[in-house]
Amino acid sequence: MSEGLSASEVGKEIAAHHQHHADRTGEHRVVTIVEAVLLAVVALLAAWSGYAAAKWSTESRLHLAESASARAKSSQADLEAMETRNLDAMMFDTWFDAWVQGDAQADAAR
């Protein structure tokens, strides 16, 4: 017993295969072109999506850095305001103590 196909069987298989693919000339070609166009559109959309994501990420990082800078400045201004308020309260307390005690010299110095 021989294994595989004989030469005549191979010829028949090739003819059947050729006949099978020869039937799909017009319609198959249109489907293939539509598939290629669709794949190209998908590739372009994927590339554009990556570009847009990278651009948004960069803009987002810039805005985040600006907000961090503004937050640091506001914290500094808040600390300065608290220092000024504490100094004002201390000065008022010192003046009020001198006024209550009737210390005219300390009252005039403040």
PDB file of N, CA and C in Angstrom:
ATOM      1  N   MET A   1       0.831  -1.173   0.000  1.00  0.00           N
ATOM      2  CA  MET A   1       0.000   0.000   0.000  1.00  0.00           C
ATOM      3  C   MET A   1       0.871   1.230   0.000  1.00  0.00           C
ATOM      4  N   SER A   2       0.547   2.098  -0.872  1.00  0.00           N
ATOM      5  CA  SER A   2       1.335   3.328  -0.932  1.00  0.00           C
ATOM      6  C   SER A   2       0.650   4.397  -0.090  1.00  0.00           C
ATOM      7  N   GLU A   3       1.494   5.240   0.486  1.00  0.00           N
ATOM      8  CA  GLU A   3       0.970   6.344   1.292  1.00  0.00           C
ATOM      9  C   GLU A   3       0.920   7.592   0.438  1.00  0.00           C
ATOM     10  N   GLY A   4      -0.069   8.476   0.705  1.00  0.00           N
ATOM     11  CA  GLY A   4      -0.156   9.717  -0.024  1.00  0.00           C
ATOM     12  C   GLY A   4      -0.985   9.577  -1.281  1.00  0.00           C
ATOM     13  N   LEU A   5      -0.933  10.605  -2.091  1.00  0.00           N
ATOM     14  CA  LEU A   5      -1.703  10.646  -3.321  1.00  0.00           C
ATOM     15  C   LEU A   5      -0.817  10.309  -4.505  1.00  0.00           C
ATOM     16  N   SER A   6      -1.422   9.721  -5.490  1.00  0.00           N
ATOM     17  CA  SER A   6      -0.683   9.454  -6.722  1.00  0.00           C
ATOM     18  C   SER A   6      -0.661  10.730  -7.550  1.00  0.00           C
ATOM     19  N   ALA A   7       0.111  10.729  -8.604  1.00  0.00           N
ATOM     20  CA  ALA A   7       0.244  11.909  -9.454  1.00  0.00           C
ATOM     21  C   ALA A   7      -1.091  12.286 -10.083  1.00  0.00           C
ATOM     22  N   SER A   8      -1.878  11.316 -10.481  1.00  0.00           N
ATOM     23  CA  SER A   8      -3.175  11.640 -11.098  1.00  0.00           C
ATOM     24  C   SER A   8      -4.144  12.209 -10.057  1.00  0.00           C
ATOM     25  N   GLU A   9      -4.082  11.706  -8.816  1.00  0.00           N
ATOM     26  CA  GLU A   9      -4.942  12.242  -7.758  1.00  0.00           C
ATOM     27  C   GLU A   9      -4.553  13.678  -7.404  1.00  0.00           C
ATOM     28  N   VAL A  10      -3.260  13.955  -7.400  1.00  0.00           N
ATOM     29  CA  VAL A  10      -2.787  15.319  -7.130  1.00  0.00           C
ATOM     30  C   VAL A  10      -3.295  16.252  -8.218  1.00  0.00           C
ATOM     31  N   GLY A  11      -3.238  15.827  -9.461  1.00  0.00           N
ATOM     32  CA  GLY A  11      -3.741  16.640 -10.564  1.00  0.00           C
ATOM     33  C   GLY A  11      -5.228  16.930 -10.412  1.00  0.00           C
ATOM     34  N   LYS A  12      -6.002  15.910 -10.012  1.00  0.00           N
ATOM     35  CA  LYS A  12      -7.433  16.115  -9.800  1.00  0.00           C
ATOM     36  C   LYS A  12      -7.689  17.112  -8.656  1.00  0.00           C
ATOM     37  N   GLU A  13      -6.934  17.004  -7.566  1.00  0.00           N
ATOM     38  CA  GLU A  13      -7.088  17.918  -6.423  1.00  0.00           C
ATOM     39  C   GLU A  13      -6.761  19.354  -6.820  1.00  0.00           C
ATOM     40  N   ILE A  14      -5.704  19.519  -7.606  1.00  0.00           N
ATOM     41  CA  ILE A  14      -5.324  20.866  -8.053  1.00  0.00           C
ATOM     42  C   ILE A  14      -6.407  21.441  -8.954  1.00  0.00           C
ATOM     43  N   ALA A  15      -6.947  20.632  -9.844  1.00  0.00           N
ATOM     44  CA  ALA A  15      -8.010  21.110 -10.735  1.00  0.00           C
ATOM     45  C   ALA A  15      -9.255  21.486  -9.935  1.00  0.00           C
ATOM     46  N   ALA A  16      -9.600  20.689  -8.926  1.00  0.00           N
ATOM     47  CA  ALA A  16     -10.774  20.996  -8.096  1.00  0.00           C
ATOM     48  C   ALA A  16     -10.543  22.276  -7.288  1.00  0.00           C
ATOM     49  N   HIS A  17      -9.342  22.418  -6.767  1.00  0.00           N
ATOM     50  CA  HIS A  17      -9.001  23.618  -5.995  1.00  0.00           C
ATOM     51  C   HIS A  17      -9.055  24.856  -6.887  1.00  0.00           C
ATOM     52  N   HIS A  18      -8.523  24.720  -8.094  1.00  0.00           N
ATOM     53  CA  HIS A  18      -8.540  25.840  -9.037  1.00  0.00           C
ATOM     54  C   HIS A  18      -9.982  26.185  -9.419  1.00  0.00           C
ATOM     55  N   GLN A  19     -10.794  25.180  -9.648  1.00  0.00           N
ATOM     56  CA  GLN A  19     -12.190  25.407 -10.009  1.00  0.00           C
ATOM     57  C   GLN A  19     -12.938  26.070  -8.849  1.00  0.00           C
ATOM     58  N   HIS A  20     -12.638  25.675  -7.625  1.00  0.00           N
ATOM     59  CA  HIS A  20     -13.295  26.222  -6.439  1.00  0.00           C
ATOM     60  C   HIS A  20     -13.008  27.719  -6.311  1.00  0.00           C
ATOM     61  N   HIS A  21     -11.768  28.133  -6.532  1.00  0.00           N
ATOM     62  CA  HIS A  21     -11.399  29.544  -6.425  1.00  0.00           C
ATOM     63  C   HIS A  21     -11.770  30.345  -7.671  1.00  0.00           C
ATOM     64  N   ALA A  22     -11.923  29.700  -8.787  1.00  0.00           N
ATOM     65  CA  ALA A  22     -12.277  30.413 -10.014  1.00  0.00           C
ATOM     66  C   ALA A  22     -13.732  30.877  -9.983  1.00  0.00           C
ATOM     67  N   ASP A  23     -14.570  30.243  -9.166  1.00  0.00           N
ATOM     68  CA  ASP A  23     -15.983  30.617  -9.090  1.00  0.00           C
ATOM     69  C   ASP A  23     -16.185  31.984  -8.431  1.00  0.00           C
ATOM     70  N   ARG A  24     -15.271  32.427  -7.611  1.00  0.00           N
ATOM     71  CA  ARG A  24     -15.439  33.668  -6.849  1.00  0.00           C
ATOM     72  C   ARG A  24     -14.690  34.833  -7.485  1.00  0.00           C
ATOM     73  N   THR A  25     -14.922  35.145  -8.661  1.00  0.00           N
ATOM     74  CA  THR A  25     -14.156  36.213  -9.310  1.00  0.00           C
ATOM     75  C   THR A  25     -14.657  37.594  -8.927  1.00  0.00           C
ATOM     76  N   GLY A  26     -15.862  37.947  -9.259  1.00  0.00           N
ATOM     77  CA  GLY A  26     -16.348  39.314  -9.061  1.00  0.00           C
ATOM     78  C   GLY A  26     -16.717  39.631  -7.619  1.00  0.00           C
ATOM     79  N   GLU A  27     -17.581  38.820  -7.056  1.00  0.00           N
ATOM     80  CA  GLU A  27     -18.073  39.080  -5.706  1.00  0.00           C
ATOM     81  C   GLU A  27     -16.960  38.944  -4.671  1.00  0.00           C
ATOM     82  N   HIS A  28     -16.142  37.938  -4.817  1.00  0.00           N
ATOM     83  CA  HIS A  28     -15.045  37.721  -3.869  1.00  0.00           C
ATOM     84  C   HIS A  28     -14.046  38.876  -3.918  1.00  0.00           C
ATOM     85  N   ARG A  29     -13.803  39.379  -5.106  1.00  0.00           N
ATOM     86  CA  ARG A  29     -12.859  40.498  -5.248  1.00  0.00           C
ATOM     87  C   ARG A  29     -13.394  41.743  -4.545  1.00  0.00           C
ATOM     88  N   VAL A  30     -14.688  42.018  -4.665  1.00  0.00           N
ATOM     89  CA  VAL A  30     -15.294  43.178  -3.996  1.00  0.00           C
ATOM     90  C   VAL A  30     -15.190  43.022  -2.476  1.00  0.00           C
ATOM     91  N   VAL A  31     -15.481  41.841  -1.982  1.00  0.00           N
ATOM     92  CA  VAL A  31     -15.389  41.598  -0.539  1.00  0.00           C
ATOM     93  C   VAL A  31     -13.957  41.795  -0.059  1.00  0.00           C
ATOM     94  N   THR A  32     -12.990  41.328  -0.819  1.00  0.00           N
ATOM     95  CA  THR A  32     -11.587  41.488  -0.445  1.00  0.00           C
ATOM     96  C   THR A  32     -11.195  42.961  -0.404  1.00  0.00           C
ATOM     97  N   ILE A  33     -11.654  43.735  -1.377  1.00  0.00           N
ATOM     98  CA  ILE A  33     -11.338  45.174  -1.404  1.00  0.00           C
ATOM     99  C   ILE A  33     -12.000  45.882  -0.227  1.00  0.00           C
ATOM    100  N   VAL A  34     -13.245  45.534   0.055  1.00  0.00           N
ATOM    101  CA  VAL A  34     -13.943  46.148   1.193  1.00  0.00           C
ATOM    102  C   VAL A  34     -13.231  45.799   2.501  1.00  0.00           C
ATOM    103  N   GLU A  35     -12.784  44.564   2.640  1.00  0.00           N
ATOM    104  CA  GLU A  35     -12.034  44.167   3.836  1.00  0.00           C
ATOM    105  C   GLU A  35     -10.759  44.984   3.980  1.00  0.00           C
ATOM    106  N   ALA A  36     -10.035  45.163   2.887  1.00  0.00           N
ATOM    107  CA  ALA A  36      -8.785  45.924   2.930  1.00  0.00           C
ATOM    108  C   ALA A  36      -9.040  47.380   3.300  1.00  0.00           C
ATOM    109  N   VAL A  37     -10.082  47.969   2.721  1.00  0.00           N
ATOM    110  CA  VAL A  37     -10.417  49.367   3.042  1.00  0.00           C
ATOM    111  C   VAL A  37     -10.830  49.485   4.505  1.00  0.00           C
ATOM    112  N   LEU A  38     -11.634  48.558   4.975  1.00  0.00           N
ATOM    113  CA  LEU A  38     -12.073  48.579   6.365  1.00  0.00           C
ATOM    114  C   LEU A  38     -10.885  48.439   7.319  1.00  0.00           C
ATOM    115  N   LEU A  39      -9.965  47.554   7.017  1.00  0.00           N
ATOM    116  CA  LEU A  39      -8.769  47.401   7.853  1.00  0.00           C
ATOM    117  C   LEU A  39      -7.913  48.662   7.840  1.00  0.00           C
ATOM    118  N   ALA A  40      -7.819  49.320   6.693  1.00  0.00           N
ATOM    119  CA  ALA A  40      -7.054  50.567   6.613  1.00  0.00           C
ATOM    120  C   ALA A  40      -7.705  51.657   7.457  1.00  0.00           C
ATOM    121  N   VAL A  41      -9.032  51.740   7.399  1.00  0.00           N
ATOM    122  CA  VAL A  41      -9.746  52.739   8.211  1.00  0.00           C
ATOM    123  C   VAL A  41      -9.549  52.457   9.695  1.00  0.00           C
ATOM    124  N   VAL A  42      -9.633  51.205  10.084  1.00  0.00           N
ATOM    125  CA  VAL A  42      -9.422  50.837  11.487  1.00  0.00           C
ATOM    126  C   VAL A  42      -8.008  51.190  11.925  1.00  0.00           C
ATOM    127  N   ALA A  43      -7.024  50.945  11.077  1.00  0.00           N
ATOM    128  CA  ALA A  43      -5.639  51.285  11.417  1.00  0.00           C
ATOM    129  C   ALA A  43      -5.467  52.791  11.581  1.00  0.00           C
ATOM    130  N   LEU A  44      -6.077  53.571  10.691  1.00  0.00           N
ATOM    131  CA  LEU A  44      -5.997  55.033  10.808  1.00  0.00           C
ATOM    132  C   LEU A  44      -6.681  55.529  12.075  1.00  0.00           C
ATOM    133  N   LEU A  45      -7.840  54.980  12.389  1.00  0.00           N
ATOM    134  CA  LEU A  45      -8.540  55.388  13.605  1.00  0.00           C
ATOM    135  C   LEU A  45      -7.756  55.018  14.859  1.00  0.00           C
ATOM    136  N   ALA A  46      -7.121  53.870  14.857  1.00  0.00           N
ATOM    137  CA  ALA A  46      -6.308  53.472  16.009  1.00  0.00           C
ATOM    138  C   ALA A  46      -5.111  54.404  16.176  1.00  0.00           C
ATOM    139  N   ALA A  47      -4.481  54.770  15.071  1.00  0.00           N
ATOM    140  CA  ALA A  47      -3.349  55.699  15.142  1.00  0.00           C
ATOM    141  C   ALA A  47      -3.803  57.068  15.631  1.00  0.00           C
ATOM    142  N   TRP A  48      -4.935  57.546  15.131  1.00  0.00           N
ATOM    143  CA  TRP A  48      -5.450  58.844  15.570  1.00  0.00           C
ATOM    144  C   TRP A  48      -5.827  58.811  17.046  1.00  0.00           C
ATOM    145  N   SER A  49      -6.388  57.707  17.484  1.00  0.00           N
ATOM    146  CA  SER A  49      -6.759  57.562  18.891  1.00  0.00           C
ATOM    147  C   SER A  49      -5.525  57.622  19.787  1.00  0.00           C
ATOM    148  N   GLY A  50      -4.458  56.973  19.382  1.00  0.00           N
ATOM    149  CA  GLY A  50      -3.213  57.039  20.147  1.00  0.00           C
ATOM    150  C   GLY A  50      -2.644  58.438  20.190  1.00  0.00           C
ATOM    151  N   TYR A  51      -2.695  59.132  19.063  1.00  0.00           N
ATOM    152  CA  TYR A  51      -2.210  60.518  19.010  1.00  0.00           C
ATOM    153  C   TYR A  51      -3.032  61.413  19.933  1.00  0.00           C
ATOM    154  N   ALA A  52      -4.361  61.282  19.867  1.00  0.00           N
ATOM    155  CA  ALA A  52      -5.231  62.115  20.699  1.00  0.00           C
ATOM    156  C   ALA A  52      -5.016  61.824  22.182  1.00  0.00           C
ATOM    157  N   ALA A  53      -4.819  60.562  22.525  1.00  0.00           N
ATOM    158  CA  ALA A  53      -4.579  60.208  23.927  1.00  0.00           C
ATOM    159  C   ALA A  53      -3.268  60.810  24.423  1.00  0.00           C
ATOM    160  N   ALA A  54      -2.235  60.761  23.599  1.00  0.00           N
ATOM    161  CA  ALA A  54      -0.948  61.341  23.997  1.00  0.00           C
ATOM    162  C   ALA A  54      -1.053  62.856  24.131  1.00  0.00           C
ATOM    163  N   LYS A  55      -1.778  63.481  23.215  1.00  0.00           N
ATOM    164  CA  LYS A  55      -1.948  64.938  23.278  1.00  0.00           C
ATOM    165  C   LYS A  55      -2.724  65.324  24.532  1.00  0.00           C
ATOM    166  N   TRP A  56      -3.798  64.622  24.844  1.00  0.00           N
ATOM    167  CA  TRP A  56      -4.596  64.916  26.023  1.00  0.00           C
ATOM    168  C   TRP A  56      -3.777  64.692  27.288  1.00  0.00           C
ATOM    169  N   SER A  57      -2.973  63.652  27.295  1.00  0.00           N
ATOM    170  CA  SER A  57      -2.138  63.370  28.462  1.00  0.00           C
ATOM    171  C   SER A  57      -1.167  64.515  28.710  1.00  0.00           C
ATOM    172  N   THR A  58      -0.577  65.051  27.638  1.00  0.00           N
ATOM    173  CA  THR A  58       0.357  66.170  27.781  1.00  0.00           C
ATOM    174  C   THR A  58      -0.369  67.405  28.299  1.00  0.00           C
ATOM    175  N   GLU A  59      -1.534  67.722  27.736  1.00  0.00           N
ATOM    176  CA  GLU A  59      -2.300  68.883  28.204  1.00  0.00           C
ATOM    177  C   GLU A  59      -2.711  68.706  29.655  1.00  0.00           C
ATOM    178  N   SER A  60      -3.114  67.512  30.008  1.00  0.00           N
ATOM    179  CA  SER A  60      -3.531  67.238  31.377  1.00  0.00           C
ATOM    180  C   SER A  60      -2.371  67.439  32.348  1.00  0.00           C
ATOM    181  N   ARG A  61      -1.190  66.987  31.981  1.00  0.00           N
ATOM    182  CA  ARG A  61      -0.018  67.170  32.847  1.00  0.00           C
ATOM    183  C   ARG A  61       0.329  68.642  33.003  1.00  0.00           C
ATOM    184  N   LEU A  62       0.206  69.417  31.931  1.00  0.00           N
ATOM    185  CA  LEU A  62       0.489  70.852  32.028  1.00  0.00           C
ATOM    186  C   LEU A  62      -0.495  71.537  32.972  1.00  0.00           C
ATOM    187  N   HIS A  63      -1.775  71.217  32.849  1.00  0.00           N
ATOM    188  CA  HIS A  63      -2.774  71.816  33.735  1.00  0.00           C
ATOM    189  C   HIS A  63      -2.554  71.375  35.184  1.00  0.00           C
ATOM    190  N   LEU A  64      -2.149  70.142  35.376  1.00  0.00           N
ATOM    191  CA  LEU A  64      -1.880  69.651  36.724  1.00  0.00           C
ATOM    192  C   LEU A  64      -0.701  70.397  37.344  1.00  0.00           C
ATOM    193  N   ALA A  65       0.342  70.656  36.560  1.00  0.00           N
ATOM    194  CA  ALA A  65       1.495  71.405  37.062  1.00  0.00           C
ATOM    195  C   ALA A  65       1.106  72.842  37.399  1.00  0.00           C
ATOM    196  N   GLU A  66       0.279  73.462  36.557  1.00  0.00           N
ATOM    197  CA  GLU A  66      -0.182  74.826  36.834  1.00  0.00           C
ATOM    198  C   GLU A  66      -1.009  74.872  38.114  1.00  0.00           C
ATOM    199  N   SER A  67      -1.872  73.898  38.301  1.00  0.00           N
ATOM    200  CA  SER A  67      -2.705  73.894  39.504  1.00  0.00           C
ATOM    201  C   SER A  67      -1.866  73.647  40.752  1.00  0.00           C
ATOM    202  N   ALA A  68      -0.842  72.816  40.653  1.00  0.00           N
ATOM    203  CA  ALA A  68       0.038  72.583  41.804  1.00  0.00           C
ATOM    204  C   ALA A  68       0.788  73.858  42.167  1.00  0.00           C
ATOM    205  N   SER A  69       1.224  74.606  41.161  1.00  0.00           N
ATOM    206  CA  SER A  69       1.907  75.876  41.413  1.00  0.00           C
ATOM    207  C   SER A  69       0.963  76.875  42.075  1.00  0.00           C
ATOM    208  N   ALA A  70      -0.260  76.965  41.580  1.00  0.00           N
ATOM    209  CA  ALA A  70      -1.242  77.879  42.176  1.00  0.00           C
ATOM    210  C   ALA A  70      -1.572  77.467  43.609  1.00  0.00           C
ATOM    211  N   ARG A  71      -1.655  76.168  43.863  1.00  0.00           N
ATOM    212  CA  ARG A  71      -1.936  75.686  45.212  1.00  0.00           C
ATOM    213  C   ARG A  71      -0.808  76.060  46.163  1.00  0.00           C
ATOM    214  N   ALA A  72       0.442  75.941  45.710  1.00  0.00           N
ATOM    215  CA  ALA A  72       1.583  76.312  46.553  1.00  0.00           C
ATOM    216  C   ALA A  72       1.569  77.808  46.859  1.00  0.00           C
ATOM    217  N   LYS A  73       1.256  78.622  45.851  1.00  0.00           N
ATOM    218  CA  LYS A  73       1.187  80.074  46.068  1.00  0.00           C
ATOM    219  C   LYS A  73       0.063  80.428  47.041  1.00  0.00           C
ATOM    220  N   SER A  74      -1.073  79.759  46.912  1.00  0.00           N
ATOM    221  CA  SER A  74      -2.187  80.060  47.817  1.00  0.00           C
ATOM    222  C   SER A  74      -1.861  79.638  49.244  1.00  0.00           C
ATOM    223  N   SER A  75      -1.158  78.531  49.411  1.00  0.00           N
ATOM    224  CA  SER A  75      -0.748  78.107  50.752  1.00  0.00           C
ATOM    225  C   SER A  75       0.202  79.123  51.369  1.00  0.00           C
ATOM    226  N   GLN A  76       1.122  79.643  50.571  1.00  0.00           N
ATOM    227  CA  GLN A  76       2.057  80.656  51.057  1.00  0.00           C
ATOM    228  C   GLN A  76       1.304  81.929  51.454  1.00  0.00           C
ATOM    229  N   ALA A  77       0.357  82.357  50.639  1.00  0.00           N
ATOM    230  CA  ALA A  77      -0.428  83.552  50.962  1.00  0.00           C
ATOM    231  C   ALA A  77      -1.262  83.329  52.222  1.00  0.00           C
ATOM    232  N   ASP A  78      -1.793  82.127  52.401  1.00  0.00           N
ATOM    233  CA  ASP A  78      -2.575  81.808  53.592  1.00  0.00           C
ATOM    234  C   ASP A  78      -1.705  81.884  54.844  1.00  0.00           C
ATOM    235  N   LEU A  79      -0.488  81.362  54.770  1.00  0.00           N
ATOM    236  CA  LEU A  79       0.423  81.435  55.919  1.00  0.00           C
ATOM    237  C   LEU A  79       0.782  82.881  56.250  1.00  0.00           C
ATOM    238  N   GLU A  80       1.045  83.681  55.229  1.00  0.00           N
ATOM    239  CA  GLU A  80       1.361  85.093  55.469  1.00  0.00           C
ATOM    240  C   GLU A  80       0.176  85.814  56.101  1.00  0.00           C
ATOM    241  N   ALA A  81      -1.035  85.501  55.658  1.00  0.00           N
ATOM    242  CA  ALA A  81      -2.225  86.127  56.236  1.00  0.00           C
ATOM    243  C   ALA A  81      -2.397  85.726  57.698  1.00  0.00           C
ATOM    244  N   MET A  82      -2.140  84.460  58.017  1.00  0.00           N
ATOM    245  CA  MET A  82      -2.240  84.020  59.412  1.00  0.00           C
ATOM    246  C   MET A  82      -1.193  84.708  60.282  1.00  0.00           C
ATOM    247  N   GLU A  83       0.020  84.866  59.765  1.00  0.00           N
ATOM    248  CA  GLU A  83       1.064  85.565  60.521  1.00  0.00           C
ATOM    249  C   GLU A  83       0.652  87.008  60.790  1.00  0.00           C
ATOM    250  N   THR A  84       0.116  87.667  59.778  1.00  0.00           N
ATOM    251  CA  THR A  84      -0.323  89.057  59.943  1.00  0.00           C
ATOM    252  C   THR A  84      -1.462  89.140  60.953  1.00  0.00           C
ATOM    253  N   ARG A  85      -2.403  88.227  60.884  1.00  0.00           N
ATOM    254  CA  ARG A  85      -3.527  88.227  61.825  1.00  0.00           C
ATOM    255  C   ARG A  85      -3.044  87.980  63.248  1.00  0.00           C
ATOM    256  N   ASN A  86      -2.105  87.046  63.414  1.00  0.00           N
ATOM    257  CA  ASN A  86      -1.561  86.779  64.745  1.00  0.00           C
ATOM    258  C   ASN A  86      -0.816  87.991  65.289  1.00  0.00           C
ATOM    259  N   LEU A  87      -0.054  88.670  64.432  1.00  0.00           N
ATOM    260  CA  LEU A  87       0.660  89.873  64.863  1.00  0.00           C
ATOM    261  C   LEU A  87      -0.328  90.961  65.271  1.00  0.00           C
ATOM    262  N   ASP A  88      -1.380  91.138  64.473  1.00  0.00           N
ATOM    263  CA  ASP A  88      -2.399  92.131  64.817  1.00  0.00           C
ATOM    264  C   ASP A  88      -3.067  91.799  66.150  1.00  0.00           C
ATOM    265  N   ALA A  89      -3.402  90.540  66.361  1.00  0.00           N
ATOM    266  CA  ALA A  89      -4.042  90.134  67.617  1.00  0.00           C
ATOM    267  C   ALA A  89      -3.102  90.358  68.795  1.00  0.00           C
ATOM    268  N   MET A  90      -1.829  90.032  68.617  1.00  0.00           N
ATOM    269  CA  MET A  90      -0.852  90.234  69.688  1.00  0.00           C
ATOM    270  C   MET A  90      -0.702  91.721  70.011  1.00  0.00           C
ATOM    271  N   MET A  91      -0.618  92.549  68.987  1.00  0.00           N
ATOM    272  CA  MET A  91      -0.490  93.994  69.202  1.00  0.00           C
ATOM    273  C   MET A  91      -1.739  94.537  69.905  1.00  0.00           C
ATOM    274  N   PHE A  92      -2.912  94.083  69.503  1.00  0.00           N
ATOM    275  CA  PHE A  92      -4.136  94.546  70.146  1.00  0.00           C
ATOM    276  C   PHE A  92      -4.173  94.119  71.606  1.00  0.00           C
ATOM    277  N   ASP A  93      -3.804  92.857  71.881  1.00  0.00           N
ATOM    278  CA  ASP A  93      -3.800  92.380  73.268  1.00  0.00           C
ATOM    279  C   ASP A  93      -2.844  93.198  74.126  1.00  0.00           C
ATOM    280  N   THR A  94      -1.669  93.508  73.590  1.00  0.00           N
ATOM    281  CA  THR A  94      -0.695  94.306  74.334  1.00  0.00           C
ATOM    282  C   THR A  94      -1.243  95.706  74.598  1.00  0.00           C
ATOM    283  N   TRP A  95      -1.832  96.328  73.599  1.00  0.00           N
ATOM    284  CA  TRP A  95      -2.409  97.666  73.778  1.00  0.00           C
ATOM    285  C   TRP A  95      -3.564  97.631  74.774  1.00  0.00           C
ATOM    286  N   PHE A  96      -4.427  96.612  74.652  1.00  0.00           N
ATOM    287  CA  PHE A  96      -5.589  96.532  75.536  1.00  0.00           C
ATOM    288  C   PHE A  96      -5.160  96.324  76.981  1.00  0.00           C
ATOM    289  N   ASP A  97      -4.142  95.465  77.202  1.00  0.00           N
ATOM    290  CA  ASP A  97      -3.626  95.271  78.563  1.00  0.00           C
ATOM    291  C   ASP A  97      -3.101  96.585  79.127  1.00  0.00           C
ATOM    292  N   ALA A  98      -2.358  97.337  78.322  1.00  0.00           N
ATOM    293  CA  ALA A  98      -1.820  98.625  78.785  1.00  0.00           C
ATOM    294  C   ALA A  98      -2.954  99.608  79.048  1.00  0.00           C
ATOM    295  N   TRP A  99      -3.969  99.615  78.234  1.00  0.00           N
ATOM    296  CA  TRP A  99      -5.090 100.542  78.416  1.00  0.00           C
ATOM    297  C   TRP A  99      -5.873 100.213  79.683  1.00  0.00           C
ATOM    298  N   VAL A 100      -6.091  98.881  79.900  1.00  0.00           N
ATOM    299  CA  VAL A 100      -6.827  98.455  81.094  1.00  0.00           C
ATOM    300  C   VAL A 100      -6.045  98.817  82.351  1.00  0.00           C
ATOM    301  N   GLN A 101      -4.737  98.658  82.323  1.00  0.00           N
ATOM    302  CA  GLN A 101      -3.906  98.943  83.496  1.00  0.00           C
ATOM    303  C   GLN A 101      -3.620 100.439  83.639  1.00  0.00           C
ATOM    304  N   GLY A 102      -3.971 101.214  82.653  1.00  0.00           N
ATOM    305  CA  GLY A 102      -3.760 102.653  82.712  1.00  0.00           C
ATOM    306  C   GLY A 102      -2.314 103.046  82.500  1.00  0.00           C
ATOM    307  N   ASP A 103      -1.556 102.204  81.817  1.00  0.00           N
ATOM    308  CA  ASP A 103      -0.136 102.487  81.555  1.00  0.00           C
ATOM    309  C   ASP A 103      -0.055 103.375  80.323  1.00  0.00           C
ATOM    310  N   ALA A 104       0.016 104.674  80.524  1.00  0.00           N
ATOM    311  CA  ALA A 104       0.019 105.638  79.427  1.00  0.00           C
ATOM    312  C   ALA A 104       1.280 105.532  78.589  1.00  0.00           C
ATOM    313  N   GLN A 105       2.411 105.231  79.236  1.00  0.00           N
ATOM    314  CA  GLN A 105       3.672 105.145  78.498  1.00  0.00           C
ATOM    315  C   GLN A 105       3.649 103.934  77.550  1.00  0.00           C
ATOM    316  N   ALA A 106       3.201 102.784  78.025  1.00  0.00           N
ATOM    317  CA  ALA A 106       3.097 101.598  77.168  1.00  0.00           C
ATOM    318  C   ALA A 106       2.015 101.797  76.121  1.00  0.00           C
ATOM    319  N   ASP A 107       0.959 102.509  76.493  1.00  0.00           N
ATOM    320  CA  ASP A 107      -0.134 102.786  75.565  1.00  0.00           C
ATOM    321  C   ASP A 107       0.350 103.655  74.416  1.00  0.00           C
ATOM    322  N   ALA A 108       1.161 104.641  74.706  1.00  0.00           N
ATOM    323  CA  ALA A 108       1.680 105.541  73.678  1.00  0.00           C
ATOM    324  C   ALA A 108       2.695 104.838  72.782  1.00  0.00           C
ATOM    325  N   ALA A 109       3.431 103.879  73.346  1.00  0.00           N
ATOM    326  CA  ALA A 109       4.448 103.173  72.564  1.00  0.00           C
ATOM    327  C   ALA A 109       3.802 102.268  71.509  1.00  0.00           C
ATOM    328  N   ARG A 110       2.609 101.862  71.777  1.00  0.00           N
ATOM    329  CA  ARG A 110       1.956 100.941  70.851  1.00  0.00           C
ATOM    330  C   ARG A 110       1.164 101.737  69.884  1.00  0.00           C
TER     331      ARG A 110
END
